[in-house]
Structures are given as C-alpha cells and as structure tokens.
Amino acid sequence: MDSPAPLTEEQKQFFLKNGYLKLSRCFTREQAAEVTEGVWTRLGMAADDKSTWTQHKVNMPSHRTFDAAALAPRAWAAICELCGGARRVDEARSRYWRDSLIVNLGTPAGEGRPTPPRALDNWHVDGDFFVHYLDSPEQALLVIPLFSDVPPEGGGTMLCPDAIPKVARWLHEHPEGVSPRMVPRAHPDFAKEKNLEWYTELAKGCDQFVEACGKVGDVFLLHPLMMHSATSNARRHARIITNPPVSFRAPQVFDRADGDYSLVELKTIQSVGGLDRLKGWRPTMPREAIVPMRVRIQEEMKRKELQRLEEAKGVAAAA
C-alpha cells in the first residue's frame, strides 16, 4: 500500500488559521460498521424505533480497540504530521482508537428546533483527566472520526475556532495550572467537575462556529485548545462518533533552538501572540492526573452493556 500523501501547504495554512482540519474518506463504510457493531444492543435501543431513544447523548464505554494506522492510515499520517512527526507522538496512548462511541440522538422536544451555538450548554475543551497548562502533552490533538453520516443540524459537534486564542491566553496567564473546566488552582471550585460556566460565557462572545458535518469515513483533527460542544441534533439522525485523544511524548516546546516547531505548537504560539510573549514561560506547579467521574460512570455502563450483549447472544442461539 502506498504511503499517504503529506498535507498540502493549503491544508497546513488552513489548520494554522482555523485550528482544525477535515479529511475525507479516511475509512470505508464497511470498516465503520465493524467499529459500531452491536451499538444498538449495547444501548438497549432500536435503530428504527425512536420511542426507545431514551437518552439525548450517550458516551459509551469501550470494548475493543482498532489500530488507527491500519483503519485510517491517511488520518494517522496527518496526525503525526500536525504533531511534528511520529517521533513526537506517544503511540501507546494515541494510535489505538476504541469503540467508546458517542451517540447523539436528539430529543423529541428539540426535533426541528436547532439550538443556536451561543446557547449550547456543553462548551468545553477536552482533557478531563489532567490539570491543564499551555504546553500540556496529554492532549496534543482531538480526533473526531465520523462513523455515521452527519448532515447539517444532525448532531455534529460544534467547533468554535475563534475561542482558541482566548483559551491559550488564559492558560498563558495561569502557569500554576487550571482544572479541565479552566478554573485556576487557587479557586475553591478548582476540583468541581460539573462546572462549564467559564466556557459558556466565552462562547457568548464568539462569532465563528463550525458544525463537524460529513460522511462516514471523514475525520476531523482539532487543535487541543479547540472549544467545542455537543449539539441538539434537530434532525434526530443517529450520529455516531468517537473522540480519541492524541498525546505528545513530551510537553510542547516554545523555544526550540532549531525552530522545528510542530503545526500544533505553531498554532499555540500564534494564539498567545507570538514567541516574544512566551520567553521564559514555564509551568510553576507539578503536572497532575485526574480520575474523572466519567470513568466511574462508564464502568457501570460497561457492565450493563456486556449483560445486554450476552442476552442477545442467547436469544440468537435459541432462534
């Protein structure tokens, strides 16, 4: 198989301007079907009966892993290129995508009534598992593979490109670290998980919004400081994606003697206001991991999913 073509200069400049890139036809519908196999049984719902769609959005636990370099070689090559080459990517934490599917089904009340971007209540930056610094290595990119077609107003993730500089400058101002909800370390709400107020207020002052729409096999690659939100899915079209994170082997570097910056680093530098503003910048507190409530919730979800899958096998065997 031929190696995937490198990113074009136009794609690189688009990423530096907008903080994301959309790649088309990175994997086939057959491959997508393999990843999503058993999704409706796992959910305890029926694809053709919306009366069973009892949850708006479900972040499912994982059962299987898939090698991104084999499943979506073009996407994996682009991930490595954006990060400055495969040598800078932590493959063990980045290369294997999971079937931790994120299913957006909308609600009966919201059908035909899309929520305006500024009114969405789920704005955030990914990385609920670590204390955030401007140079954090834990989240080098956020990846959104589309395992279902996602039409406009059909549940696509809403992106807010013009929030990236605002998030970057906030992190620059807080070298002591902030929570995944952007709360400074000294604030009494630092450890509070369900606290999206900072992002909600930021979205109200933004103007550029992009819905991550496309066809099965398309993949979006987002800068780690891309603020985004789930949407209302006014079409009630079953949208299925995952959000595999990409991690660097080491923190981003903003003073490379050789000037060999990755495109992710260049976007971060640009967002803060240039290299001069980063002279001498360093985190002032230790890096810390966080065990989010999401992990505990998904452990219980997985137990129930396994039970439903076993019951489905029993029914099939008896038929």
C-alpha atoms as a PDB file:
ATOM      1  CA  MET A   1       0.000   0.000   0.000  1.00  0.00           C
ATOM      2  CA  ASP A   2       1.321   3.444  -0.909  1.00  0.00           C
ATOM      3  CA  SER A   3       2.139   5.813   1.923  1.00  0.00           C
ATOM      4  CA  PRO A   4      -0.489   8.537   2.436  1.00  0.00           C
ATOM      5  CA  ALA A   5       0.375  11.846   0.804  1.00  0.00           C
ATOM      6  CA  PRO A   6       1.631  14.543   3.187  1.00  0.00           C
ATOM      7  CA  LEU A   7      -0.545  17.530   3.998  1.00  0.00           C
ATOM      8  CA  THR A   8      -0.618  20.199   1.337  1.00  0.00           C
ATOM      9  CA  GLU A   9       0.535  23.730   2.058  1.00  0.00           C
ATOM     10  CA  GLU A  10      -3.103  24.802   1.773  1.00  0.00           C
ATOM     11  CA  GLN A  11      -4.128  22.298   4.456  1.00  0.00           C
ATOM     12  CA  LYS A  12      -1.308  23.429   6.763  1.00  0.00           C
ATOM     13  CA  GLN A  13      -2.286  27.069   6.410  1.00  0.00           C
ATOM     14  CA  PHE A  14      -5.948  26.198   6.983  1.00  0.00           C
ATOM     15  CA  PHE A  15      -5.020  24.466  10.240  1.00  0.00           C
ATOM     16  CA  LEU A  16      -2.914  27.413  11.376  1.00  0.00           C
ATOM     17  CA  LYS A  17      -5.751  29.826  10.607  1.00  0.00           C
ATOM     18  CA  ASN A  18      -8.702  27.787  11.898  1.00  0.00           C
ATOM     19  CA  GLY A  19      -7.276  25.240  14.335  1.00  0.00           C
ATOM     20  CA  TYR A  20      -8.843  22.217  12.675  1.00  0.00           C
ATOM     21  CA  LEU A  21      -8.673  20.102   9.548  1.00  0.00           C
ATOM     22  CA  LYS A  22     -11.265  17.885   7.878  1.00  0.00           C
ATOM     23  CA  LEU A  23     -10.051  14.844   5.951  1.00  0.00           C
ATOM     24  CA  SER A  24     -12.499  12.960   3.729  1.00  0.00           C
ATOM     25  CA  ARG A  25     -12.827   9.221   3.071  1.00  0.00           C
ATOM     26  CA  CYS A  26     -10.265   8.060   5.619  1.00  0.00           C
ATOM     27  CA  PHE A  27     -12.019   4.692   6.091  1.00  0.00           C
ATOM     28  CA  THR A  28     -14.880   2.799   4.452  1.00  0.00           C
ATOM     29  CA  ARG A  29     -18.478   2.197   5.484  1.00  0.00           C
ATOM     30  CA  GLU A  30     -17.598  -1.462   5.962  1.00  0.00           C
ATOM     31  CA  GLN A  31     -14.840  -0.523   8.390  1.00  0.00           C
ATOM     32  CA  ALA A  32     -17.210   1.835  10.209  1.00  0.00           C
ATOM     33  CA  ALA A  33     -19.757  -0.984  10.520  1.00  0.00           C
ATOM     34  CA  GLU A  34     -17.114  -3.156  12.167  1.00  0.00           C
ATOM     35  CA  VAL A  35     -16.352  -0.451  14.743  1.00  0.00           C
ATOM     36  CA  THR A  36     -20.050   0.170  15.502  1.00  0.00           C
ATOM     37  CA  GLU A  37     -21.074  -3.493  15.525  1.00  0.00           C
ATOM     38  CA  GLY A  38     -23.649  -4.161  18.252  1.00  0.00           C
ATOM     39  CA  VAL A  39     -24.096  -0.476  19.101  1.00  0.00           C
ATOM     40  CA  TRP A  40     -27.911  -0.657  19.374  1.00  0.00           C
ATOM     41  CA  THR A  41     -27.793  -3.767  21.533  1.00  0.00           C
ATOM     42  CA  ARG A  42     -25.247  -2.076  23.756  1.00  0.00           C
ATOM     43  CA  LEU A  43     -27.506   0.967  24.019  1.00  0.00           C
ATOM     44  CA  GLY A  44     -30.590  -1.112  24.754  1.00  0.00           C
ATOM     45  CA  MET A  45     -32.400   0.774  21.977  1.00  0.00           C
ATOM     46  CA  ALA A  46     -33.725   0.070  18.477  1.00  0.00           C
ATOM     47  CA  ALA A  47     -32.371   1.936  15.469  1.00  0.00           C
ATOM     48  CA  ASP A  48     -35.786   2.020  13.776  1.00  0.00           C
ATOM     49  CA  ASP A  49     -37.884   2.920  16.835  1.00  0.00           C
ATOM     50  CA  LYS A  50     -37.280   6.424  18.177  1.00  0.00           C
ATOM     51  CA  SER A  51     -39.594   5.752  21.107  1.00  0.00           C
ATOM     52  CA  THR A  52     -36.703   3.676  22.515  1.00  0.00           C
ATOM     53  CA  TRP A  53     -34.261   6.574  22.186  1.00  0.00           C
ATOM     54  CA  THR A  54     -34.441   7.496  25.841  1.00  0.00           C
ATOM     55  CA  GLN A  55     -31.190   9.455  26.069  1.00  0.00           C
ATOM     56  CA  HIS A  56     -30.120  12.524  24.117  1.00  0.00           C
ATOM     57  CA  LYS A  57     -26.393  11.762  24.128  1.00  0.00           C
ATOM     58  CA  VAL A  58     -24.558   8.668  25.322  1.00  0.00           C
ATOM     59  CA  ASN A  59     -20.802   8.465  25.942  1.00  0.00           C
ATOM     60  CA  MET A  60     -20.312   4.714  25.780  1.00  0.00           C
ATOM     61  CA  PRO A  61     -17.519   2.679  27.385  1.00  0.00           C
ATOM     62  CA  SER A  62     -15.102   0.746  25.185  1.00  0.00           C
ATOM     63  CA  HIS A  63     -14.853  -2.985  24.486  1.00  0.00           C
ATOM     64  CA  ARG A  64     -12.445  -3.154  21.549  1.00  0.00           C
ATOM     65  CA  THR A  65      -9.508  -1.236  20.077  1.00  0.00           C
ATOM     66  CA  PHE A  66      -8.596  -0.507  16.457  1.00  0.00           C
ATOM     67  CA  ASP A  67      -5.186   0.422  15.069  1.00  0.00           C
ATOM     68  CA  ALA A  68      -5.690   3.893  13.575  1.00  0.00           C
ATOM     69  CA  ALA A  69      -2.679   3.419  11.292  1.00  0.00           C
ATOM     70  CA  ALA A  70      -4.463   0.430   9.703  1.00  0.00           C
ATOM     71  CA  LEU A  71      -8.074   1.632   9.965  1.00  0.00           C
ATOM     72  CA  ALA A  72      -7.432   5.199   8.787  1.00  0.00           C
ATOM     73  CA  PRO A  73      -3.827   5.487   7.521  1.00  0.00           C
ATOM     74  CA  ARG A  74      -4.421   8.886   5.930  1.00  0.00           C
ATOM     75  CA  ALA A  75      -5.754  10.296   9.195  1.00  0.00           C
ATOM     76  CA  TRP A  76      -2.930   8.753  11.219  1.00  0.00           C
ATOM     77  CA  ALA A  77      -0.300  10.198   8.863  1.00  0.00           C
ATOM     78  CA  ALA A  78      -1.893  13.642   9.168  1.00  0.00           C
ATOM     79  CA  ILE A  79      -1.998  13.330  12.977  1.00  0.00           C
ATOM     80  CA  CYS A  80       1.729  12.607  13.035  1.00  0.00           C
ATOM     81  CA  GLU A  81       2.484  15.467  10.662  1.00  0.00           C
ATOM     82  CA  LEU A  82       0.487  18.009  12.678  1.00  0.00           C
ATOM     83  CA  CYS A  83       2.342  16.890  15.803  1.00  0.00           C
ATOM     84  CA  GLY A  84       5.781  17.326  14.237  1.00  0.00           C
ATOM     85  CA  GLY A  85       6.389  13.736  13.192  1.00  0.00           C
ATOM     86  CA  ALA A  86       5.715  10.277  14.597  1.00  0.00           C
ATOM     87  CA  ARG A  87       8.734  10.585  16.905  1.00  0.00           C
ATOM     88  CA  ARG A  88       6.873  13.205  18.945  1.00  0.00           C
ATOM     89  CA  VAL A  89       3.623  11.216  19.261  1.00  0.00           C
ATOM     90  CA  ASP A  90       3.014   8.909  22.201  1.00  0.00           C
ATOM     91  CA  GLU A  91       1.861   5.934  20.112  1.00  0.00           C
ATOM     92  CA  ALA A  92       0.782   3.809  23.060  1.00  0.00           C
ATOM     93  CA  ARG A  93      -1.746   6.469  24.091  1.00  0.00           C
ATOM     94  CA  SER A  94      -2.665   7.762  20.630  1.00  0.00           C
ATOM     95  CA  ARG A  95      -2.604   5.122  17.910  1.00  0.00           C
ATOM     96  CA  TYR A  96      -5.347   2.786  19.119  1.00  0.00           C
ATOM     97  CA  TRP A  97      -8.895   4.069  18.743  1.00  0.00           C
ATOM     98  CA  ARG A  98     -11.611   2.464  20.869  1.00  0.00           C
ATOM     99  CA  ASP A  99     -15.278   1.721  20.306  1.00  0.00           C
ATOM    100  CA  SER A 100     -16.113   4.161  23.107  1.00  0.00           C
ATOM    101  CA  LEU A 101     -18.804   5.531  20.820  1.00  0.00           C
ATOM    102  CA  ILE A 102     -20.503   8.878  21.375  1.00  0.00           C
ATOM    103  CA  VAL A 103     -24.076   8.674  20.135  1.00  0.00           C
ATOM    104  CA  ASN A 104     -26.194  11.821  19.733  1.00  0.00           C
ATOM    105  CA  LEU A 105     -29.893  11.047  19.182  1.00  0.00           C
ATOM    106  CA  GLY A 106     -31.536  14.394  19.913  1.00  0.00           C
ATOM    107  CA  THR A 107     -34.838  14.743  21.769  1.00  0.00           C
ATOM    108  CA  PRO A 108     -38.496  14.819  20.685  1.00  0.00           C
ATOM    109  CA  ALA A 109     -38.808  18.362  22.056  1.00  0.00           C
ATOM    110  CA  GLY A 110     -35.790  19.538  20.070  1.00  0.00           C
ATOM    111  CA  GLU A 111     -36.722  17.943  16.750  1.00  0.00           C
ATOM    112  CA  GLY A 112     -36.782  20.611  14.054  1.00  0.00           C
ATOM    113  CA  ARG A 113     -35.549  23.230  16.525  1.00  0.00           C
ATOM    114  CA  PRO A 114     -31.743  23.554  16.415  1.00  0.00           C
ATOM    115  CA  THR A 115     -30.162  25.312  19.379  1.00  0.00           C
ATOM    116  CA  PRO A 116     -28.088  28.372  18.359  1.00  0.00           C
ATOM    117  CA  PRO A 117     -24.361  27.881  19.051  1.00  0.00           C
ATOM    118  CA  ARG A 118     -24.105  30.591  21.710  1.00  0.00           C
ATOM    119  CA  ALA A 119     -26.992  28.968  23.621  1.00  0.00           C
ATOM    120  CA  LEU A 120     -25.400  25.492  23.765  1.00  0.00           C
ATOM    121  CA  ASP A 121     -24.588  24.397  27.309  1.00  0.00           C
ATOM    122  CA  ASN A 122     -21.842  21.818  26.728  1.00  0.00           C
ATOM    123  CA  TRP A 123     -18.922  24.022  25.636  1.00  0.00           C
ATOM    124  CA  HIS A 124     -15.561  22.692  26.811  1.00  0.00           C
ATOM    125  CA  VAL A 125     -12.001  21.803  25.882  1.00  0.00           C
ATOM    126  CA  ASP A 126     -11.188  18.103  26.057  1.00  0.00           C
ATOM    127  CA  GLY A 127      -8.914  16.549  28.640  1.00  0.00           C
ATOM    128  CA  ASP A 128     -10.887  15.849  31.810  1.00  0.00           C
ATOM    129  CA  PHE A 129      -8.066  13.611  33.061  1.00  0.00           C
ATOM    130  CA  PHE A 130      -5.284  16.131  33.805  1.00  0.00           C
ATOM    131  CA  VAL A 131      -4.511  19.606  35.134  1.00  0.00           C
ATOM    132  CA  HIS A 132      -4.127  21.897  32.120  1.00  0.00           C
ATOM    133  CA  TYR A 133      -1.102  24.004  31.186  1.00  0.00           C
ATOM    134  CA  LEU A 134      -0.388  25.856  27.962  1.00  0.00           C
ATOM    135  CA  ASP A 135       2.181  23.209  26.979  1.00  0.00           C
ATOM    136  CA  SER A 136       0.306  20.104  28.236  1.00  0.00           C
ATOM    137  CA  PRO A 137       1.375  16.930  26.392  1.00  0.00           C
ATOM    138  CA  GLU A 138      -1.634  14.826  27.410  1.00  0.00           C
ATOM    139  CA  GLN A 139      -3.876  16.288  24.677  1.00  0.00           C
ATOM    140  CA  ALA A 140      -1.943  17.067  21.501  1.00  0.00           C
ATOM    141  CA  LEU A 141      -4.948  16.808  19.199  1.00  0.00           C
ATOM    142  CA  LEU A 142      -8.602  15.875  19.468  1.00  0.00           C
ATOM    143  CA  VAL A 143      -9.767  13.498  16.736  1.00  0.00           C
ATOM    144  CA  ILE A 144     -13.387  13.111  15.574  1.00  0.00           C
ATOM    145  CA  PRO A 145     -13.916  10.150  13.206  1.00  0.00           C
ATOM    146  CA  LEU A 146     -17.442  10.025  11.750  1.00  0.00           C
ATOM    147  CA  PHE A 147     -18.900   6.514  11.993  1.00  0.00           C
ATOM    148  CA  SER A 148     -22.275   7.715  10.680  1.00  0.00           C
ATOM    149  CA  ASP A 149     -23.255  10.331   8.136  1.00  0.00           C
ATOM    150  CA  VAL A 150     -23.649  13.684   9.895  1.00  0.00           C
ATOM    151  CA  PRO A 151     -25.860  16.144   7.961  1.00  0.00           C
ATOM    152  CA  PRO A 152     -26.192  19.808   8.966  1.00  0.00           C
ATOM    153  CA  GLU A 153     -28.223  20.123  12.190  1.00  0.00           C
ATOM    154  CA  GLY A 154     -27.820  16.356  12.564  1.00  0.00           C
ATOM    155  CA  GLY A 155     -25.880  16.259  15.818  1.00  0.00           C
ATOM    156  CA  GLY A 156     -22.445  17.270  14.550  1.00  0.00           C
ATOM    157  CA  THR A 157     -20.025  18.579  17.171  1.00  0.00           C
ATOM    158  CA  MET A 158     -19.979  22.399  17.145  1.00  0.00           C
ATOM    159  CA  LEU A 159     -16.490  23.910  16.963  1.00  0.00           C
ATOM    160  CA  CYS A 160     -15.518  27.430  17.994  1.00  0.00           C
ATOM    161  CA  PRO A 161     -12.239  28.324  16.245  1.00  0.00           C
ATOM    162  CA  ASP A 162     -12.057  31.917  17.444  1.00  0.00           C
ATOM    163  CA  ALA A 163     -12.049  30.749  21.086  1.00  0.00           C
ATOM    164  CA  ILE A 164      -8.604  29.136  20.695  1.00  0.00           C
ATOM    165  CA  PRO A 165      -6.626  32.379  21.290  1.00  0.00           C
ATOM    166  CA  LYS A 166      -8.785  33.189  24.324  1.00  0.00           C
ATOM    167  CA  VAL A 167      -8.192  29.753  25.846  1.00  0.00           C
ATOM    168  CA  ALA A 168      -4.466  29.955  25.036  1.00  0.00           C
ATOM    169  CA  ARG A 169      -4.061  33.380  26.660  1.00  0.00           C
ATOM    170  CA  TRP A 170      -5.921  32.206  29.766  1.00  0.00           C
ATOM    171  CA  LEU A 171      -3.524  29.264  30.108  1.00  0.00           C
ATOM    172  CA  HIS A 172      -0.580  31.594  29.481  1.00  0.00           C
ATOM    173  CA  GLU A 173      -1.785  33.765  32.373  1.00  0.00           C
ATOM    174  CA  HIS A 174      -2.026  30.732  34.686  1.00  0.00           C
ATOM    175  CA  PRO A 175       1.287  28.847  34.695  1.00  0.00           C
ATOM    176  CA  GLU A 176       0.217  27.306  38.022  1.00  0.00           C
ATOM    177  CA  GLY A 177      -2.313  25.231  36.066  1.00  0.00           C
ATOM    178  CA  VAL A 178      -6.082  25.203  35.729  1.00  0.00           C
ATOM    179  CA  SER A 179      -8.709  22.489  36.028  1.00  0.00           C
ATOM    180  CA  PRO A 180     -10.248  20.862  32.936  1.00  0.00           C
ATOM    181  CA  ARG A 181     -13.016  23.465  33.427  1.00  0.00           C
ATOM    182  CA  MET A 182     -10.402  26.269  33.243  1.00  0.00           C
ATOM    183  CA  VAL A 183     -10.732  27.094  36.948  1.00  0.00           C
ATOM    184  CA  PRO A 184      -7.420  28.399  38.428  1.00  0.00           C
ATOM    185  CA  ARG A 185      -5.730  26.209  41.002  1.00  0.00           C
ATOM    186  CA  ALA A 186      -6.317  28.591  43.937  1.00  0.00           C
ATOM    187  CA  HIS A 187     -10.056  28.928  43.300  1.00  0.00           C
ATOM    188  CA  PRO A 188     -12.402  26.988  45.632  1.00  0.00           C
ATOM    189  CA  ASP A 189     -14.149  25.430  42.605  1.00  0.00           C
ATOM    190  CA  PHE A 190     -10.889  24.015  41.205  1.00  0.00           C
ATOM    191  CA  ALA A 191     -11.935  20.390  41.851  1.00  0.00           C
ATOM    192  CA  LYS A 192     -15.550  20.839  40.738  1.00  0.00           C
ATOM    193  CA  GLU A 193     -16.291  18.686  37.650  1.00  0.00           C
ATOM    194  CA  LYS A 194     -19.707  19.911  36.520  1.00  0.00           C
ATOM    195  CA  ASN A 195     -18.646  23.492  36.035  1.00  0.00           C
ATOM    196  CA  LEU A 196     -18.802  24.743  32.446  1.00  0.00           C
ATOM    197  CA  GLU A 197     -19.547  28.390  33.259  1.00  0.00           C
ATOM    198  CA  TRP A 198     -16.169  29.676  32.019  1.00  0.00           C
ATOM    199  CA  TYR A 199     -16.701  28.110  28.605  1.00  0.00           C
ATOM    200  CA  THR A 200     -20.372  29.107  28.423  1.00  0.00           C
ATOM    201  CA  GLU A 201     -19.504  32.754  28.992  1.00  0.00           C
ATOM    202  CA  LEU A 202     -16.649  32.568  26.482  1.00  0.00           C
ATOM    203  CA  ALA A 203     -18.965  31.181  23.772  1.00  0.00           C
ATOM    204  CA  LYS A 204     -21.344  34.121  24.184  1.00  0.00           C
ATOM    205  CA  GLY A 205     -18.615  36.447  22.987  1.00  0.00           C
ATOM    206  CA  CYS A 206     -17.523  34.369  19.980  1.00  0.00           C
ATOM    207  CA  ASP A 207     -18.599  34.715  16.359  1.00  0.00           C
ATOM    208  CA  GLN A 208     -17.077  31.792  14.430  1.00  0.00           C
ATOM    209  CA  PHE A 209     -18.826  28.443  14.758  1.00  0.00           C
ATOM    210  CA  VAL A 210     -18.397  25.334  12.589  1.00  0.00           C
ATOM    211  CA  GLU A 211     -20.503  22.171  12.774  1.00  0.00           C
ATOM    212  CA  ALA A 212     -18.496  18.981  12.231  1.00  0.00           C
ATOM    213  CA  CYS A 213     -20.630  17.526   9.423  1.00  0.00           C
ATOM    214  CA  GLY A 214     -19.690  14.979   6.799  1.00  0.00           C
ATOM    215  CA  LYS A 215     -19.919  11.424   5.578  1.00  0.00           C
ATOM    216  CA  VAL A 216     -18.915   8.110   7.118  1.00  0.00           C
ATOM    217  CA  GLY A 217     -15.132   7.919   6.954  1.00  0.00           C
ATOM    218  CA  ASP A 218     -14.461  11.633   7.356  1.00  0.00           C
ATOM    219  CA  VAL A 219     -12.131  12.615  10.200  1.00  0.00           C
ATOM    220  CA  PHE A 220     -11.756  15.997  11.919  1.00  0.00           C
ATOM    221  CA  LEU A 221      -8.442  16.856  13.589  1.00  0.00           C
ATOM    222  CA  LEU A 222      -8.683  19.638  16.181  1.00  0.00           C
ATOM    223  CA  HIS A 223      -6.059  21.715  17.968  1.00  0.00           C
ATOM    224  CA  PRO A 224      -6.079  20.735  21.674  1.00  0.00           C
ATOM    225  CA  LEU A 225      -7.440  24.161  22.705  1.00  0.00           C
ATOM    226  CA  MET A 226     -10.406  23.984  20.317  1.00  0.00           C
ATOM    227  CA  MET A 227     -13.527  24.693  22.372  1.00  0.00           C
ATOM    228  CA  HIS A 228     -16.439  22.543  21.204  1.00  0.00           C
ATOM    229  CA  SER A 229     -19.892  21.389  22.226  1.00  0.00           C
ATOM    230  CA  ALA A 230     -22.450  18.681  21.625  1.00  0.00           C
ATOM    231  CA  THR A 231     -25.435  19.961  19.642  1.00  0.00           C
ATOM    232  CA  SER A 232     -29.171  19.399  19.900  1.00  0.00           C
ATOM    233  CA  ASN A 233     -29.463  17.170  16.788  1.00  0.00           C
ATOM    234  CA  ALA A 234     -32.623  18.771  15.453  1.00  0.00           C
ATOM    235  CA  ARG A 235     -32.865  16.135  12.698  1.00  0.00           C
ATOM    236  CA  ARG A 236     -32.834  13.245  15.203  1.00  0.00           C
ATOM    237  CA  HIS A 237     -30.450  11.486  12.838  1.00  0.00           C
ATOM    238  CA  ALA A 238     -28.399   8.963  14.839  1.00  0.00           C
ATOM    239  CA  ARG A 239     -24.929  10.472  14.938  1.00  0.00           C
ATOM    240  CA  ILE A 240     -22.074   8.159  15.940  1.00  0.00           C
ATOM    241  CA  ILE A 241     -18.501   9.317  16.512  1.00  0.00           C
ATOM    242  CA  THR A 242     -15.605   8.775  18.894  1.00  0.00           C
ATOM    243  CA  ASN A 243     -13.167  11.284  20.403  1.00  0.00           C
ATOM    244  CA  PRO A 244      -9.778   9.513  20.511  1.00  0.00           C
ATOM    245  CA  PRO A 245      -7.154  11.806  22.060  1.00  0.00           C
ATOM    246  CA  VAL A 246      -3.625  12.149  20.736  1.00  0.00           C
ATOM    247  CA  SER A 247      -0.775  12.721  23.196  1.00  0.00           C
ATOM    248  CA  PHE A 248       2.730  14.074  22.778  1.00  0.00           C
ATOM    249  CA  ARG A 249       5.681  12.153  24.187  1.00  0.00           C
ATOM    250  CA  ALA A 250       6.782  15.388  25.881  1.00  0.00           C
ATOM    251  CA  PRO A 251       5.276  18.830  26.542  1.00  0.00           C
ATOM    252  CA  GLN A 252       5.037  21.356  23.736  1.00  0.00           C
ATOM    253  CA  VAL A 253       8.187  23.466  23.392  1.00  0.00           C
ATOM    254  CA  PHE A 254       8.002  27.194  22.647  1.00  0.00           C
ATOM    255  CA  ASP A 255      11.738  27.969  22.485  1.00  0.00           C
ATOM    256  CA  ARG A 256      13.193  25.415  20.073  1.00  0.00           C
ATOM    257  CA  ALA A 257      16.738  26.430  19.144  1.00  0.00           C
ATOM    258  CA  ASP A 258      16.341  24.888  15.689  1.00  0.00           C
ATOM    259  CA  GLY A 259      12.901  26.406  15.110  1.00  0.00           C
ATOM    260  CA  ASP A 260      11.489  22.951  14.279  1.00  0.00           C
ATOM    261  CA  TYR A 261       8.041  23.605  15.697  1.00  0.00           C
ATOM    262  CA  SER A 262       5.104  21.312  15.028  1.00  0.00           C
ATOM    263  CA  LEU A 263       1.983  22.784  13.459  1.00  0.00           C
ATOM    264  CA  VAL A 264       0.213  22.306  16.799  1.00  0.00           C
ATOM    265  CA  GLU A 265       2.942  24.291  18.572  1.00  0.00           C
ATOM    266  CA  LEU A 266       2.869  26.984  15.895  1.00  0.00           C
ATOM    267  CA  LYS A 267      -0.881  27.390  16.349  1.00  0.00           C
ATOM    268  CA  THR A 268      -0.423  27.642  20.134  1.00  0.00           C
ATOM    269  CA  ILE A 269       2.367  30.228  19.723  1.00  0.00           C
ATOM    270  CA  GLN A 270       0.288  32.214  17.233  1.00  0.00           C
ATOM    271  CA  SER A 271      -2.732  32.098  19.550  1.00  0.00           C
ATOM    272  CA  VAL A 272      -0.817  33.546  22.502  1.00  0.00           C
ATOM    273  CA  GLY A 273       0.549  36.375  20.380  1.00  0.00           C
ATOM    274  CA  GLY A 274       3.962  35.210  19.206  1.00  0.00           C
ATOM    275  CA  LEU A 275       7.233  33.829  20.538  1.00  0.00           C
ATOM    276  CA  ASP A 276       8.165  37.043  22.366  1.00  0.00           C
ATOM    277  CA  ARG A 277       5.259  36.563  24.766  1.00  0.00           C
ATOM    278  CA  LEU A 278       6.450  33.034  25.578  1.00  0.00           C
ATOM    279  CA  LYS A 279      10.033  33.854  26.553  1.00  0.00           C
ATOM    280  CA  GLY A 280      10.694  32.295  29.926  1.00  0.00           C
ATOM    281  CA  TRP A 281       7.202  30.805  30.238  1.00  0.00           C
ATOM    282  CA  ARG A 282       7.190  27.571  32.234  1.00  0.00           C
ATOM    283  CA  PRO A 283       4.613  25.739  34.381  1.00  0.00           C
ATOM    284  CA  THR A 284       5.117  26.672  38.021  1.00  0.00           C
ATOM    285  CA  MET A 285       3.411  23.638  39.580  1.00  0.00           C
ATOM    286  CA  PRO A 286       3.723  19.863  39.003  1.00  0.00           C
ATOM    287  CA  ARG A 287       1.698  18.137  36.298  1.00  0.00           C
ATOM    288  CA  GLU A 288      -1.141  16.110  37.773  1.00  0.00           C
ATOM    289  CA  ALA A 289      -3.518  13.419  36.563  1.00  0.00           C
ATOM    290  CA  ILE A 290      -7.227  13.462  37.441  1.00  0.00           C
ATOM    291  CA  VAL A 291      -9.598  10.493  37.638  1.00  0.00           C
ATOM    292  CA  PRO A 292     -12.851  11.941  36.261  1.00  0.00           C
ATOM    293  CA  MET A 293     -16.317  10.861  37.325  1.00  0.00           C
ATOM    294  CA  ARG A 294     -16.816   9.763  33.694  1.00  0.00           C
ATOM    295  CA  VAL A 295     -14.546   6.747  34.284  1.00  0.00           C
ATOM    296  CA  ARG A 296     -16.601   5.521  37.220  1.00  0.00           C
ATOM    297  CA  ILE A 297     -19.876   6.013  35.337  1.00  0.00           C
ATOM    298  CA  GLN A 298     -18.602   4.139  32.279  1.00  0.00           C
ATOM    299  CA  GLU A 299     -17.512   1.158  34.356  1.00  0.00           C
ATOM    300  CA  GLU A 300     -21.151   0.637  35.379  1.00  0.00           C
ATOM    301  CA  MET A 301     -22.345   1.273  31.804  1.00  0.00           C
ATOM    302  CA  LYS A 302     -19.946  -1.370  30.514  1.00  0.00           C
ATOM    303  CA  ARG A 303     -21.276  -3.942  32.971  1.00  0.00           C
ATOM    304  CA  LYS A 304     -24.829  -3.351  31.702  1.00  0.00           C
ATOM    305  CA  GLU A 305     -23.731  -3.404  28.052  1.00  0.00           C
ATOM    306  CA  LEU A 306     -21.997  -6.756  28.485  1.00  0.00           C
ATOM    307  CA  GLN A 307     -25.149  -8.133  30.074  1.00  0.00           C
ATOM    308  CA  ARG A 308     -27.294  -6.996  27.112  1.00  0.00           C
ATOM    309  CA  LEU A 309     -24.796  -8.417  24.594  1.00  0.00           C
ATOM    310  CA  GLU A 310     -24.822 -11.787  26.365  1.00  0.00           C
ATOM    311  CA  GLU A 311     -28.626 -11.794  26.429  1.00  0.00           C
ATOM    312  CA  ALA A 312     -28.715 -11.022  22.693  1.00  0.00           C
ATOM    313  CA  LYS A 313     -26.380 -13.957  22.013  1.00  0.00           C
ATOM    314  CA  GLY A 314     -28.687 -16.236  23.989  1.00  0.00           C
ATOM    315  CA  VAL A 315     -31.730 -15.119  22.010  1.00  0.00           C
ATOM    316  CA  ALA A 316     -29.864 -15.654  18.712  1.00  0.00           C
ATOM    317  CA  ALA A 317     -28.726 -19.128  19.761  1.00  0.00           C
ATOM    318  CA  ALA A 318     -32.249 -20.152  20.730  1.00  0.00           C
ATOM    319  CA  ALA A 319     -33.786 -18.922  17.467  1.00  0.00           C
END
